[in-house]
Amino acid sequence: MAPGRLWARLAPWRWHLLLAVGVVLLVHLSLFSDFMPAYRRLFGRVTLDNVLHVAAFAALGLVAPLAPRSRARALGVLLALLLLGFGLELVQLAIPNRRCQLYDALGNALGLAVGGAAGFALRAWLRRSRGGKPGDGACDLSADEPPAA
C-alpha cells in the first residue's frame, strides 16, 4: 500500500494520533528530561524553560480542536490538557531533582490558550474551505473522502 493511501485510510484518526503522540512526548519530557540550559534567563524572569512550556502546550492546543468532531468535545480535550499541565507540575514535587513551578503551569495554560484559539480558527477555516457543517468531521483533511453528509 502506498504511503499516501495509508495516510488517507488513517484520515479519521490522524489528529487523534498526532495528539496522543504529543501528549506522550510531553509527559516523558516533563518528568524524565533534565535539560539544564533551559533554566538560562532570556529576559527578566522568563527562562528558556518557560518558552518551551508555552511552545509545547501551544502545539497540543493547536491540534486539540482538530481531533474531535464537536466543539464541546474539543473544549473538553483542552480542559483535559490544562489539567494534565497542572498535574505534571504537581507530580514533579515527588520526583528528585525536579521543580514544581507556578511559572511553568502558567506557561502551560498560556500555550493552551494561544494554541487552542489558533486551532479553533484553523478548524473553522478547514470546515469552510471544504464546505462542511458543524459536527460533520470536516477537519479531516483527506482528499480521497468527501465530508460525511
N, C-alpha and C. Protein backbone atom coordinates (compact mmCIF):
# COMPACT_ATOMS: atom_id res chain seq x y z
N MET A 1 0.85 -1.17 0.00
CA MET A 1 0.00 0.00 0.00
C MET A 1 0.90 1.24 0.00
N ALA A 2 0.59 2.16 -0.88
CA ALA A 2 1.37 3.39 -0.99
C ALA A 2 1.19 4.24 0.27
N PRO A 3 2.24 4.98 0.65
CA PRO A 3 2.13 5.81 1.86
C PRO A 3 0.96 6.80 1.81
N GLY A 4 0.68 7.36 0.65
CA GLY A 4 -0.43 8.29 0.52
C GLY A 4 -1.77 7.63 0.78
N ARG A 5 -1.92 6.40 0.31
CA ARG A 5 -3.17 5.66 0.54
C ARG A 5 -3.30 5.31 2.02
N LEU A 6 -2.18 4.93 2.64
CA LEU A 6 -2.22 4.61 4.07
C LEU A 6 -2.63 5.85 4.86
N TRP A 7 -2.06 7.00 4.51
CA TRP A 7 -2.40 8.26 5.19
C TRP A 7 -3.89 8.57 5.01
N ALA A 8 -4.42 8.30 3.82
CA ALA A 8 -5.84 8.54 3.56
C ALA A 8 -6.71 7.59 4.38
N ARG A 9 -6.27 6.36 4.56
CA ARG A 9 -7.05 5.40 5.36
C ARG A 9 -7.03 5.78 6.84
N LEU A 10 -5.96 6.44 7.27
CA LEU A 10 -5.87 6.88 8.66
C LEU A 10 -6.60 8.21 8.89
N ALA A 11 -7.20 8.74 7.85
CA ALA A 11 -7.78 10.09 7.89
C ALA A 11 -8.62 10.37 9.14
N PRO A 12 -9.56 9.52 9.50
CA PRO A 12 -10.37 9.86 10.67
C PRO A 12 -9.57 9.92 11.97
N TRP A 13 -8.42 9.30 12.00
CA TRP A 13 -7.66 9.20 13.24
C TRP A 13 -6.38 10.02 13.24
N ARG A 14 -6.08 10.73 12.18
CA ARG A 14 -4.82 11.48 12.09
C ARG A 14 -4.60 12.41 13.25
N TRP A 15 -5.57 13.26 13.52
CA TRP A 15 -5.41 14.27 14.57
C TRP A 15 -5.36 13.62 15.94
N HIS A 16 -6.13 12.54 16.13
CA HIS A 16 -6.08 11.82 17.40
C HIS A 16 -4.69 11.24 17.63
N LEU A 17 -4.13 10.64 16.57
CA LEU A 17 -2.80 10.05 16.67
C LEU A 17 -1.75 11.12 16.96
N LEU A 18 -1.82 12.23 16.27
CA LEU A 18 -0.87 13.32 16.49
C LEU A 18 -0.98 13.87 17.91
N LEU A 19 -2.20 14.01 18.39
CA LEU A 19 -2.42 14.50 19.75
C LEU A 19 -1.88 13.50 20.78
N ALA A 20 -2.13 12.22 20.57
CA ALA A 20 -1.66 11.19 21.51
C ALA A 20 -0.13 11.15 21.55
N VAL A 21 0.52 11.20 20.41
CA VAL A 21 1.98 11.20 20.37
C VAL A 21 2.52 12.44 21.08
N GLY A 22 1.88 13.58 20.85
CA GLY A 22 2.31 14.81 21.52
C GLY A 22 2.18 14.73 23.02
N VAL A 23 1.09 14.16 23.51
CA VAL A 23 0.90 14.03 24.96
C VAL A 23 1.94 13.09 25.56
N VAL A 24 2.20 11.96 24.89
CA VAL A 24 3.21 11.01 25.40
C VAL A 24 4.58 11.67 25.45
N LEU A 25 4.95 12.38 24.40
CA LEU A 25 6.25 13.08 24.39
C LEU A 25 6.31 14.15 25.48
N LEU A 26 5.22 14.88 25.65
CA LEU A 26 5.19 15.93 26.67
C LEU A 26 5.36 15.35 28.07
N VAL A 27 4.64 14.27 28.36
CA VAL A 27 4.75 13.66 29.69
C VAL A 27 6.16 13.15 29.91
N HIS A 28 6.72 12.49 28.91
CA HIS A 28 8.08 11.96 29.06
C HIS A 28 9.09 13.09 29.29
N LEU A 29 9.03 14.11 28.47
CA LEU A 29 9.99 15.21 28.60
C LEU A 29 9.79 15.98 29.91
N SER A 30 8.54 16.10 30.35
CA SER A 30 8.27 16.85 31.58
C SER A 30 8.78 16.13 32.82
N LEU A 31 8.70 14.82 32.82
CA LEU A 31 9.03 14.08 34.03
C LEU A 31 10.43 13.49 34.03
N PHE A 32 10.98 13.19 32.86
CA PHE A 32 12.24 12.45 32.84
C PHE A 32 13.39 13.16 32.15
N SER A 33 13.15 14.32 31.59
CA SER A 33 14.21 15.06 30.92
C SER A 33 14.87 16.02 31.90
N ASP A 34 16.14 16.23 31.71
CA ASP A 34 16.85 17.21 32.55
C ASP A 34 17.69 18.09 31.63
N PHE A 35 17.04 19.02 31.00
CA PHE A 35 17.66 19.91 30.03
C PHE A 35 18.07 21.19 30.74
N MET A 36 19.24 21.19 31.33
CA MET A 36 19.68 22.29 32.19
C MET A 36 19.81 23.64 31.48
N PRO A 37 20.25 23.72 30.22
CA PRO A 37 20.31 25.05 29.60
C PRO A 37 18.95 25.74 29.55
N ALA A 38 17.88 24.98 29.77
CA ALA A 38 16.53 25.56 29.73
C ALA A 38 16.31 26.56 30.85
N TYR A 39 17.13 26.53 31.88
CA TYR A 39 16.92 27.43 33.02
C TYR A 39 17.68 28.74 32.88
N ARG A 40 18.34 28.94 31.74
CA ARG A 40 19.03 30.20 31.49
C ARG A 40 17.99 31.30 31.26
N ARG A 41 18.20 32.43 31.88
CA ARG A 41 17.26 33.55 31.73
C ARG A 41 17.40 34.19 30.35
N LEU A 42 16.25 34.42 29.73
CA LEU A 42 16.25 35.10 28.43
C LEU A 42 16.08 36.60 28.62
N PHE A 43 15.07 36.97 29.42
CA PHE A 43 14.85 38.37 29.77
C PHE A 43 13.98 38.41 31.01
N GLY A 44 14.30 39.28 31.93
CA GLY A 44 13.55 39.38 33.19
C GLY A 44 13.51 38.04 33.91
N ARG A 45 12.32 37.60 34.26
CA ARG A 45 12.14 36.32 34.94
C ARG A 45 11.86 35.18 33.97
N VAL A 46 11.82 35.47 32.67
CA VAL A 46 11.49 34.47 31.66
C VAL A 46 12.72 33.66 31.29
N THR A 47 12.58 32.33 31.40
CA THR A 47 13.67 31.43 31.03
C THR A 47 13.30 30.67 29.77
N LEU A 48 14.28 30.01 29.19
CA LEU A 48 14.02 29.16 28.03
C LEU A 48 13.02 28.07 28.39
N ASP A 49 13.07 27.59 29.62
CA ASP A 49 12.12 26.58 30.08
C ASP A 49 10.68 27.08 29.98
N ASN A 50 10.45 28.33 30.37
CA ASN A 50 9.10 28.91 30.26
C ASN A 50 8.64 28.96 28.80
N VAL A 51 9.54 29.36 27.93
CA VAL A 51 9.21 29.44 26.50
C VAL A 51 8.91 28.05 25.95
N LEU A 52 9.67 27.03 26.38
CA LEU A 52 9.43 25.67 25.92
C LEU A 52 8.08 25.15 26.41
N HIS A 53 7.69 25.51 27.63
CA HIS A 53 6.37 25.12 28.14
C HIS A 53 5.27 25.72 27.28
N VAL A 54 5.39 27.02 26.99
CA VAL A 54 4.37 27.68 26.17
C VAL A 54 4.32 27.03 24.78
N ALA A 55 5.47 26.79 24.17
CA ALA A 55 5.51 26.22 22.82
C ALA A 55 4.92 24.81 22.78
N ALA A 56 5.28 23.97 23.75
CA ALA A 56 4.78 22.59 23.76
C ALA A 56 3.27 22.55 23.92
N PHE A 57 2.74 23.33 24.84
CA PHE A 57 1.30 23.31 25.06
C PHE A 57 0.56 24.06 23.94
N ALA A 58 1.20 25.01 23.29
CA ALA A 58 0.57 25.67 22.14
C ALA A 58 0.43 24.67 20.99
N ALA A 59 1.44 23.82 20.80
CA ALA A 59 1.35 22.80 19.75
C ALA A 59 0.21 21.83 20.04
N LEU A 60 0.10 21.38 21.30
CA LEU A 60 -1.02 20.50 21.66
C LEU A 60 -2.35 21.22 21.54
N GLY A 61 -2.38 22.49 21.95
CA GLY A 61 -3.60 23.27 21.86
C GLY A 61 -4.05 23.49 20.43
N LEU A 62 -3.10 23.58 19.51
CA LEU A 62 -3.42 23.74 18.09
C LEU A 62 -4.08 22.49 17.54
N VAL A 63 -3.58 21.32 17.93
CA VAL A 63 -4.10 20.06 17.40
C VAL A 63 -5.39 19.64 18.09
N ALA A 64 -5.55 19.98 19.37
CA ALA A 64 -6.70 19.51 20.15
C ALA A 64 -8.07 19.82 19.51
N PRO A 65 -8.32 21.01 19.00
CA PRO A 65 -9.64 21.26 18.40
C PRO A 65 -9.87 20.53 17.09
N LEU A 66 -8.83 19.99 16.48
CA LEU A 66 -8.98 19.34 15.18
C LEU A 66 -9.36 17.86 15.31
N ALA A 67 -9.09 17.25 16.44
CA ALA A 67 -9.35 15.82 16.61
C ALA A 67 -10.83 15.49 16.78
N PRO A 68 -11.54 16.06 17.74
CA PRO A 68 -12.95 15.68 17.95
C PRO A 68 -13.86 16.31 16.90
N ARG A 69 -15.02 15.69 16.74
CA ARG A 69 -15.99 16.21 15.77
C ARG A 69 -16.77 17.40 16.31
N SER A 70 -17.01 17.46 17.60
CA SER A 70 -17.83 18.54 18.13
C SER A 70 -16.97 19.57 18.87
N ARG A 71 -17.46 20.79 18.91
CA ARG A 71 -16.77 21.88 19.61
C ARG A 71 -16.71 21.60 21.11
N ALA A 72 -17.78 21.02 21.66
CA ALA A 72 -17.81 20.72 23.09
C ALA A 72 -16.74 19.70 23.46
N ARG A 73 -16.57 18.69 22.63
CA ARG A 73 -15.52 17.69 22.90
C ARG A 73 -14.14 18.31 22.76
N ALA A 74 -13.98 19.21 21.80
CA ALA A 74 -12.69 19.89 21.62
C ALA A 74 -12.37 20.71 22.87
N LEU A 75 -13.37 21.40 23.42
CA LEU A 75 -13.14 22.14 24.66
C LEU A 75 -12.81 21.19 25.81
N GLY A 76 -13.44 20.02 25.82
CA GLY A 76 -13.14 19.01 26.83
C GLY A 76 -11.70 18.53 26.73
N VAL A 77 -11.21 18.35 25.50
CA VAL A 77 -9.82 17.94 25.30
C VAL A 77 -8.88 19.03 25.81
N LEU A 78 -9.20 20.29 25.52
CA LEU A 78 -8.36 21.39 26.01
C LEU A 78 -8.37 21.45 27.54
N LEU A 79 -9.52 21.23 28.14
CA LEU A 79 -9.60 21.21 29.60
C LEU A 79 -8.76 20.06 30.18
N ALA A 80 -8.84 18.89 29.54
CA ALA A 80 -8.04 17.75 29.99
C ALA A 80 -6.54 18.06 29.87
N LEU A 81 -6.14 18.73 28.80
CA LEU A 81 -4.74 19.11 28.64
C LEU A 81 -4.32 20.13 29.69
N LEU A 82 -5.22 21.04 30.05
CA LEU A 82 -4.92 22.01 31.10
C LEU A 82 -4.70 21.29 32.43
N LEU A 83 -5.58 20.34 32.74
CA LEU A 83 -5.41 19.55 33.97
C LEU A 83 -4.13 18.73 33.93
N LEU A 84 -3.79 18.21 32.75
CA LEU A 84 -2.53 17.46 32.61
C LEU A 84 -1.34 18.38 32.90
N GLY A 85 -1.38 19.59 32.38
CA GLY A 85 -0.29 20.54 32.61
C GLY A 85 -0.09 20.84 34.09
N PHE A 86 -1.19 21.10 34.79
CA PHE A 86 -1.08 21.37 36.23
C PHE A 86 -0.69 20.09 36.99
N GLY A 87 -1.24 18.96 36.55
CA GLY A 87 -0.90 17.68 37.19
C GLY A 87 0.57 17.33 37.05
N LEU A 88 1.14 17.58 35.88
CA LEU A 88 2.56 17.30 35.67
C LEU A 88 3.43 18.15 36.61
N GLU A 89 3.02 19.37 36.81
CA GLU A 89 3.78 20.22 37.74
C GLU A 89 3.68 19.68 39.17
N LEU A 90 2.51 19.23 39.57
CA LEU A 90 2.35 18.69 40.93
C LEU A 90 3.11 17.38 41.12
N VAL A 91 3.13 16.54 40.10
CA VAL A 91 3.87 15.27 40.18
C VAL A 91 5.36 15.52 40.38
N GLN A 92 5.85 16.61 39.85
CA GLN A 92 7.27 16.92 39.97
C GLN A 92 7.69 17.19 41.42
N LEU A 93 6.72 17.44 42.29
CA LEU A 93 7.04 17.60 43.72
C LEU A 93 7.62 16.30 44.29
N ALA A 94 7.19 15.17 43.77
CA ALA A 94 7.61 13.87 44.29
C ALA A 94 8.83 13.29 43.58
N ILE A 95 9.33 13.97 42.56
CA ILE A 95 10.47 13.45 41.79
C ILE A 95 11.73 14.21 42.18
N PRO A 96 12.77 13.49 42.62
CA PRO A 96 14.02 14.17 42.97
C PRO A 96 14.60 14.93 41.76
N ASN A 97 15.22 16.04 42.03
CA ASN A 97 15.86 16.88 41.02
C ASN A 97 14.88 17.53 40.04
N ARG A 98 13.59 17.54 40.36
CA ARG A 98 12.60 18.22 39.53
C ARG A 98 11.98 19.34 40.36
N ARG A 99 11.50 20.38 39.70
CA ARG A 99 10.91 21.51 40.40
C ARG A 99 9.49 21.75 39.92
N CYS A 100 8.60 21.93 40.85
CA CYS A 100 7.23 22.34 40.55
C CYS A 100 7.21 23.86 40.59
N GLN A 101 6.90 24.48 39.46
CA GLN A 101 6.94 25.94 39.40
C GLN A 101 5.63 26.51 38.87
N LEU A 102 5.18 27.56 39.52
CA LEU A 102 3.96 28.24 39.10
C LEU A 102 4.12 28.81 37.69
N TYR A 103 5.29 29.35 37.37
CA TYR A 103 5.52 29.92 36.05
C TYR A 103 5.38 28.86 34.95
N ASP A 104 5.79 27.63 35.23
CA ASP A 104 5.63 26.56 34.25
C ASP A 104 4.15 26.27 34.03
N ALA A 105 3.39 26.19 35.11
CA ALA A 105 1.95 25.93 34.99
C ALA A 105 1.25 27.06 34.24
N LEU A 106 1.65 28.30 34.52
CA LEU A 106 1.07 29.44 33.80
C LEU A 106 1.47 29.42 32.33
N GLY A 107 2.70 29.00 32.04
CA GLY A 107 3.15 28.87 30.65
C GLY A 107 2.35 27.80 29.91
N ASN A 108 2.05 26.69 30.62
CA ASN A 108 1.22 25.65 30.02
C ASN A 108 -0.16 26.20 29.65
N ALA A 109 -0.75 26.94 30.58
CA ALA A 109 -2.09 27.50 30.35
C ALA A 109 -2.07 28.52 29.22
N LEU A 110 -1.05 29.37 29.20
CA LEU A 110 -0.93 30.37 28.13
C LEU A 110 -0.76 29.69 26.77
N GLY A 111 0.08 28.67 26.72
CA GLY A 111 0.28 27.93 25.47
C GLY A 111 -1.01 27.29 24.98
N LEU A 112 -1.77 26.71 25.90
CA LEU A 112 -3.06 26.11 25.51
C LEU A 112 -4.03 27.16 25.00
N ALA A 113 -4.06 28.31 25.64
CA ALA A 113 -4.98 29.37 25.20
C ALA A 113 -4.63 29.84 23.80
N VAL A 114 -3.35 30.10 23.56
CA VAL A 114 -2.92 30.58 22.24
C VAL A 114 -3.10 29.49 21.19
N GLY A 115 -2.62 28.29 21.49
CA GLY A 115 -2.76 27.19 20.54
C GLY A 115 -4.20 26.80 20.30
N GLY A 116 -5.01 26.79 21.37
CA GLY A 116 -6.43 26.45 21.23
C GLY A 116 -7.17 27.45 20.36
N ALA A 117 -6.88 28.73 20.56
CA ALA A 117 -7.52 29.76 19.73
C ALA A 117 -7.13 29.58 18.26
N ALA A 118 -5.86 29.32 18.02
CA ALA A 118 -5.40 29.08 16.64
C ALA A 118 -6.02 27.80 16.08
N GLY A 119 -6.15 26.78 16.93
CA GLY A 119 -6.75 25.52 16.49
C GLY A 119 -8.20 25.67 16.12
N PHE A 120 -8.97 26.43 16.91
CA PHE A 120 -10.37 26.65 16.57
C PHE A 120 -10.49 27.49 15.30
N ALA A 121 -9.59 28.45 15.11
CA ALA A 121 -9.60 29.25 13.87
C ALA A 121 -9.28 28.35 12.67
N LEU A 122 -8.30 27.47 12.82
CA LEU A 122 -7.95 26.54 11.75
C LEU A 122 -9.09 25.57 11.48
N ARG A 123 -9.74 25.11 12.55
CA ARG A 123 -10.88 24.21 12.41
C ARG A 123 -11.99 24.88 11.59
N ALA A 124 -12.30 26.14 11.90
CA ALA A 124 -13.33 26.87 11.16
C ALA A 124 -12.93 27.07 9.71
N TRP A 125 -11.67 27.40 9.47
CA TRP A 125 -11.20 27.61 8.10
C TRP A 125 -11.27 26.32 7.31
N LEU A 126 -10.84 25.20 7.90
CA LEU A 126 -10.91 23.91 7.21
C LEU A 126 -12.35 23.55 6.88
N ARG A 127 -13.24 23.79 7.82
CA ARG A 127 -14.64 23.47 7.60
C ARG A 127 -15.22 24.31 6.46
N ARG A 128 -14.90 25.62 6.46
CA ARG A 128 -15.40 26.49 5.38
C ARG A 128 -14.80 26.11 4.04
N SER A 129 -13.50 25.82 4.03
CA SER A 129 -12.85 25.52 2.76
C SER A 129 -13.33 24.21 2.15
N ARG A 130 -13.83 23.31 2.97
CA ARG A 130 -14.34 22.03 2.46
C ARG A 130 -15.85 22.03 2.35
N GLY A 131 -16.49 23.13 2.69
CA GLY A 131 -17.93 23.24 2.58
C GLY A 131 -18.68 22.42 3.62
N GLY A 132 -18.05 22.20 4.76
CA GLY A 132 -18.67 21.37 5.79
C GLY A 132 -19.57 22.15 6.71
N LYS A 133 -20.29 21.39 7.51
CA LYS A 133 -21.17 21.96 8.53
C LYS A 133 -20.66 21.53 9.90
N PRO A 134 -21.02 22.23 10.96
CA PRO A 134 -20.58 21.82 12.29
C PRO A 134 -20.94 20.37 12.59
N GLY A 135 -19.96 19.64 13.10
CA GLY A 135 -20.20 18.26 13.51
C GLY A 135 -20.08 17.24 12.40
N ASP A 136 -19.65 17.63 11.19
CA ASP A 136 -19.58 16.65 10.12
C ASP A 136 -18.18 16.09 9.90
N GLY A 137 -17.24 16.44 10.77
CA GLY A 137 -15.88 15.92 10.63
C GLY A 137 -15.11 16.57 9.50
N ALA A 138 -15.45 17.78 9.14
CA ALA A 138 -14.81 18.45 8.01
C ALA A 138 -13.37 18.82 8.27
N CYS A 139 -12.90 18.63 9.49
CA CYS A 139 -11.50 18.91 9.78
C CYS A 139 -10.60 17.81 9.24
N ASP A 140 -11.21 16.72 8.82
CA ASP A 140 -10.48 15.62 8.23
C ASP A 140 -9.95 16.08 6.88
N LEU A 141 -8.64 16.10 6.72
CA LEU A 141 -8.03 16.65 5.52
C LEU A 141 -7.87 15.66 4.40
N SER A 142 -8.53 14.53 4.46
CA SER A 142 -8.38 13.50 3.44
C SER A 142 -8.91 14.01 2.11
N ALA A 143 -8.10 13.91 1.08
CA ALA A 143 -8.54 14.34 -0.25
C ALA A 143 -9.35 13.23 -0.91
N ASP A 144 -9.21 12.01 -0.43
CA ASP A 144 -9.87 10.87 -1.05
C ASP A 144 -11.33 10.73 -0.64
N GLU A 145 -11.68 11.26 0.51
CA GLU A 145 -13.02 11.06 1.03
C GLU A 145 -13.70 12.40 1.23
N PRO A 146 -14.91 12.56 0.70
CA PRO A 146 -15.64 13.82 0.94
C PRO A 146 -16.14 13.85 2.37
N PRO A 147 -16.47 15.04 2.89
CA PRO A 147 -17.03 15.10 4.23
C PRO A 147 -18.32 14.30 4.32
N ALA A 148 -18.57 13.73 5.49
CA ALA A 148 -19.79 12.94 5.69
C ALA A 148 -21.01 13.83 5.53
N ALA A 149 -22.04 13.30 4.90
CA ALA A 149 -23.26 14.10 4.70
C ALA A 149 -24.24 13.89 5.81
